[in-house]
């Protein structure tokens, strides 16, 4: 039977691949030391002064982002909301309370449909997993406060009272809360409160001049739930 071993540098080895990779590793190590000038009697090709200091890098990583964020935050604190400079003008329907804060137990006073968010306590949104579906709640509060003269910070979107000046029309229906809390049919009712509110909302919208003018193309209805149908 033929001897399959090979002779390399006077050694018998049955694993030629091992010797090959060993030779490559030695060559790589030699070139590394030579490149940085560690070989005796040679100046480094690339000086260490060219490379960034590890200490500098660690300081930049730990403080650079924080300083930029702090500076931006301080600038925004001194800036006031200027409705004329807002990027988006939003017309928001004055829907009855049953479509929004009424779902959180709030009762309107007189003919009002909105809570006085400067004077009275705003109903809290339910906690836990419900918070991930609370976008309608926060957008409504943001628009209600967008016209406050003492509001600090830039305002990206402001509420306008004339729909002809608006870029979009926002429908303040807390649809996620309605779906999550009121989808079950309670006897003797034949349909759920959620379904009833959706039907009433559709009837309201199609009767509005804003809807007729655009066919609803500029209307925004939030429905933040994977199984929700608005």
Protein backbone atom coordinates (compact mmCIF):
# COMPACT_ATOMS: atom_id res chain seq x y z
CA UNK A 1 0.00 0.00 0.00
CA UNK A 2 1.40 3.37 -0.96
CA UNK A 3 2.58 5.63 1.83
CA UNK A 4 0.36 8.73 1.74
CA UNK A 5 2.47 10.74 4.20
CA UNK A 6 4.58 13.63 2.90
CA UNK A 7 7.97 15.08 3.86
CA UNK A 8 8.01 18.74 4.85
CA UNK A 9 11.24 20.25 6.29
CA UNK A 10 12.44 16.77 7.12
CA UNK A 11 9.27 15.87 9.07
CA UNK A 12 6.81 13.17 8.26
CA UNK A 13 3.24 14.44 8.57
CA UNK A 14 -0.04 12.83 7.67
CA UNK A 15 -1.91 16.17 7.88
CA UNK A 16 -0.55 18.53 5.21
CA UNK A 17 -3.40 21.03 5.80
CA UNK A 18 -2.23 21.50 9.38
CA UNK A 19 1.25 22.50 8.19
CA UNK A 20 -0.19 24.80 5.56
CA UNK A 21 -2.35 26.76 8.03
CA UNK A 22 0.50 26.83 10.52
CA UNK A 23 2.76 28.39 7.90
CA UNK A 24 0.10 31.01 7.04
CA UNK A 25 -0.31 31.89 10.74
CA UNK A 26 3.44 32.40 11.14
CA UNK A 27 3.55 34.57 8.03
CA UNK A 28 0.66 36.70 9.33
CA UNK A 29 2.31 37.16 12.73
CA UNK A 30 5.60 38.19 11.13
CA UNK A 31 3.92 40.73 8.84
CA UNK A 32 1.98 42.17 11.80
CA UNK A 33 5.12 42.84 13.84
CA UNK A 34 6.88 44.20 10.80
CA UNK A 35 4.00 46.53 9.93
CA UNK A 36 3.96 48.19 13.35
CA UNK A 37 7.72 48.40 13.61
CA UNK A 38 8.27 45.84 16.28
CA UNK A 39 10.89 44.00 14.23
CA UNK A 40 14.38 44.82 15.42
CA UNK A 41 16.08 47.75 13.73
CA UNK A 42 13.04 48.87 11.69
CA UNK A 43 10.84 51.94 11.97
CA UNK A 44 7.13 51.28 11.93
CA UNK A 45 5.37 51.78 8.60
CA UNK A 46 2.36 53.29 10.42
CA UNK A 47 3.19 55.19 13.58
CA UNK A 48 1.08 54.72 16.66
CA UNK A 49 0.47 58.45 16.83
CA UNK A 50 -1.70 58.14 13.74
CA UNK A 51 -4.06 55.71 15.44
CA UNK A 52 -6.75 57.09 17.78
CA UNK A 53 -6.17 56.74 21.49
CA UNK A 54 -8.38 54.19 23.19
CA UNK A 55 -8.92 56.68 26.02
CA UNK A 56 -10.13 59.35 23.61
CA UNK A 57 -12.49 56.91 21.96
CA UNK A 58 -13.96 55.87 25.29
CA UNK A 59 -14.55 59.51 26.30
CA UNK A 60 -16.18 60.36 22.99
CA UNK A 61 -18.47 57.34 23.18
CA UNK A 62 -19.54 58.04 26.75
CA UNK A 63 -19.98 61.83 26.63
CA UNK A 64 -20.29 62.94 23.02
CA UNK A 65 -23.85 61.78 22.50
CA UNK A 66 -24.97 62.99 25.93
CA UNK A 67 -23.56 66.50 25.37
CA UNK A 68 -25.29 66.83 22.00
CA UNK A 69 -28.59 65.62 23.45
CA UNK A 70 -28.32 68.00 26.43
CA UNK A 71 -27.52 70.98 24.19
CA UNK A 72 -30.48 70.24 21.93
CA UNK A 73 -32.78 69.82 24.93
CA UNK A 74 -31.68 73.17 26.43
CA UNK A 75 -32.31 74.94 23.12
CA UNK A 76 -35.81 73.49 22.87
CA UNK A 77 -36.60 74.50 26.47
CA UNK A 78 -36.09 78.18 25.61
CA UNK A 79 -38.14 77.93 22.43
CA UNK A 80 -41.86 78.65 22.55
CA UNK A 81 -44.52 77.07 20.43
CA UNK A 82 -45.20 79.38 17.49
CA UNK A 83 -48.35 78.20 15.67
CA UNK A 84 -47.40 80.16 12.57
CA UNK A 85 -44.19 78.13 12.21
CA UNK A 86 -45.78 74.72 12.73
CA UNK A 87 -45.08 72.20 10.01
CA UNK A 88 -48.56 70.70 10.10
CA UNK A 89 -51.93 72.40 10.59
CA UNK A 90 -54.60 70.06 11.88
CA UNK A 91 -58.35 70.48 12.09
CA UNK A 92 -59.83 68.31 14.86
CA UNK A 93 -63.51 67.50 15.10
CA UNK A 94 -65.30 68.36 18.35
CA UNK A 95 -66.65 64.86 18.75
CA UNK A 96 -68.96 64.10 21.68
CA UNK A 97 -67.17 62.83 24.79
CA UNK A 98 -68.44 59.28 24.28
CA UNK A 99 -65.87 58.90 21.49
CA UNK A 100 -62.84 59.93 23.53
CA UNK A 101 -62.49 60.94 27.20
CA UNK A 102 -65.95 59.62 28.03
CA UNK A 103 -64.48 56.14 27.46
CA UNK A 104 -62.20 56.90 30.42
CA UNK A 105 -65.04 57.90 32.71
CA UNK A 106 -64.89 61.66 32.13
CA UNK A 107 -68.21 63.55 32.14
CA UNK A 108 -68.44 66.86 30.23
CA UNK A 109 -69.71 70.02 31.88
CA UNK A 110 -72.58 71.75 30.12
CA UNK A 111 -72.20 71.80 26.35
CA UNK A 112 -68.43 71.24 26.43
CA UNK A 113 -66.90 68.20 24.79
CA UNK A 114 -63.31 68.56 26.04
CA UNK A 115 -61.83 68.57 29.54
CA UNK A 116 -60.05 71.73 30.64
CA UNK A 117 -56.57 70.25 30.52
CA UNK A 118 -55.08 73.28 32.32
CA UNK A 119 -57.48 73.33 35.26
CA UNK A 120 -58.84 69.83 35.83
CA UNK A 121 -57.25 66.43 36.18
CA UNK A 122 -57.15 64.53 32.92
CA UNK A 123 -58.31 60.91 33.16
CA UNK A 124 -55.33 58.58 33.04
CA UNK A 125 -55.04 56.08 30.24
CA UNK A 126 -55.21 52.45 31.46
CA UNK A 127 -51.80 51.00 32.25
CA UNK A 128 -50.19 47.70 31.40
CA UNK A 129 -50.40 46.50 27.82
CA UNK A 130 -53.04 49.13 27.06
CA UNK A 131 -50.36 51.83 26.96
CA UNK A 132 -48.95 50.54 23.70
CA UNK A 133 -52.27 51.44 22.04
CA UNK A 134 -52.62 54.94 23.54
CA UNK A 135 -51.48 56.99 20.55
CA UNK A 136 -54.93 58.60 20.00
CA UNK A 137 -54.97 59.78 23.61
CA UNK A 138 -51.62 61.57 23.39
CA UNK A 139 -52.24 63.07 19.96
CA UNK A 140 -55.52 64.55 21.18
CA UNK A 141 -53.90 66.08 24.26
CA UNK A 142 -51.07 67.49 22.15
CA UNK A 143 -53.49 69.20 19.77
CA UNK A 144 -55.62 70.55 22.62
CA UNK A 145 -52.54 72.18 24.16
CA UNK A 146 -51.01 73.39 20.90
CA UNK A 147 -52.66 76.82 21.17
CA UNK A 148 -51.60 77.57 24.74
CA UNK A 149 -49.66 80.83 24.80
CA UNK A 150 -47.32 79.62 27.54
CA UNK A 151 -46.54 76.27 25.95
CA UNK A 152 -42.79 75.70 25.81
CA UNK A 153 -40.91 73.75 23.21
CA UNK A 154 -41.42 73.63 19.45
CA UNK A 155 -44.80 72.60 18.10
CA UNK A 156 -44.68 70.40 15.04
CA UNK A 157 -48.46 70.26 14.65
CA UNK A 158 -51.06 72.82 15.76
CA UNK A 159 -54.81 72.79 15.85
CA UNK A 160 -56.66 75.20 13.57
CA UNK A 161 -60.34 76.01 13.95
CA UNK A 162 -60.97 76.57 10.23
CA UNK A 163 -60.79 73.29 8.32
CA UNK A 164 -59.95 75.14 5.10
CA UNK A 165 -56.60 76.12 6.61
CA UNK A 166 -55.77 72.56 7.62
CA UNK A 167 -53.39 70.13 5.98
CA UNK A 168 -55.17 67.14 7.53
CA UNK A 169 -58.32 66.43 9.54
CA UNK A 170 -57.88 64.44 12.75
CA UNK A 171 -60.71 62.29 14.09
CA UNK A 172 -60.25 62.05 17.90
CA UNK A 173 -61.83 58.65 18.40
CA UNK A 174 -60.09 56.51 21.04
CA UNK A 175 -60.63 53.48 18.83
CA UNK A 176 -58.06 51.22 20.50
CA UNK A 177 -59.58 51.80 23.92
CA UNK A 178 -63.06 51.24 22.51
CA UNK A 179 -61.99 47.98 20.89
CA UNK A 180 -60.05 46.63 23.89
CA UNK A 181 -62.61 47.55 26.54
CA UNK A 182 -66.00 47.50 24.81
CA UNK A 183 -66.00 44.79 22.15
CA UNK A 184 -68.12 42.29 24.08
CA UNK A 185 -71.87 42.26 23.61
CA UNK A 186 -73.66 42.73 26.92
CA UNK A 187 -77.26 41.43 26.99
CA UNK A 188 -79.87 42.66 26.28
CA UNK A 189 -77.80 44.69 23.76
CA UNK A 190 -77.54 43.15 20.30
CA UNK A 191 -74.23 44.79 19.41
CA UNK A 192 -71.18 45.89 21.37
CA UNK A 193 -70.54 49.46 22.45
CA UNK A 194 -67.49 49.47 20.21
CA UNK A 195 -69.53 48.51 17.14
CA UNK A 196 -72.18 51.07 18.01
CA UNK A 197 -69.58 53.85 18.31
CA UNK A 198 -67.98 52.90 15.00
CA UNK A 199 -71.34 53.06 13.21
CA UNK A 200 -72.18 56.41 14.80
CA UNK A 201 -68.76 57.75 13.84
CA UNK A 202 -69.21 56.79 10.19
CA UNK A 203 -72.62 58.47 10.11
CA UNK A 204 -71.14 61.60 11.65
CA UNK A 205 -68.18 61.78 9.27
CA UNK A 206 -70.03 61.30 6.00
CA UNK A 207 -72.37 64.16 6.95
CA UNK A 208 -69.55 66.66 7.50
CA UNK A 209 -68.53 69.25 4.90
CA UNK A 210 -64.86 68.39 5.47
CA UNK A 211 -65.50 64.79 4.48
CA UNK A 212 -67.61 65.72 1.47
CA UNK A 213 -64.97 68.15 0.27
CA UNK A 214 -62.19 65.55 0.12
CA UNK A 215 -64.05 62.25 0.23
CA UNK A 216 -62.18 61.54 3.46
CA UNK A 217 -58.77 61.42 1.79
CA UNK A 218 -57.29 63.95 4.22
CA UNK A 219 -58.86 62.39 7.34
CA UNK A 220 -56.77 60.60 9.96
CA UNK A 221 -58.39 57.92 12.13
CA UNK A 222 -56.02 56.08 14.45
CA UNK A 223 -56.63 52.34 14.80
CA UNK A 224 -53.62 51.02 16.68
CA UNK A 225 -54.42 47.35 17.12
CA UNK A 226 -53.47 44.36 14.91
CA UNK A 227 -57.01 42.92 14.99
CA UNK A 228 -58.92 46.18 14.96
CA UNK A 229 -61.32 47.18 12.20
CA UNK A 230 -62.46 50.79 12.15
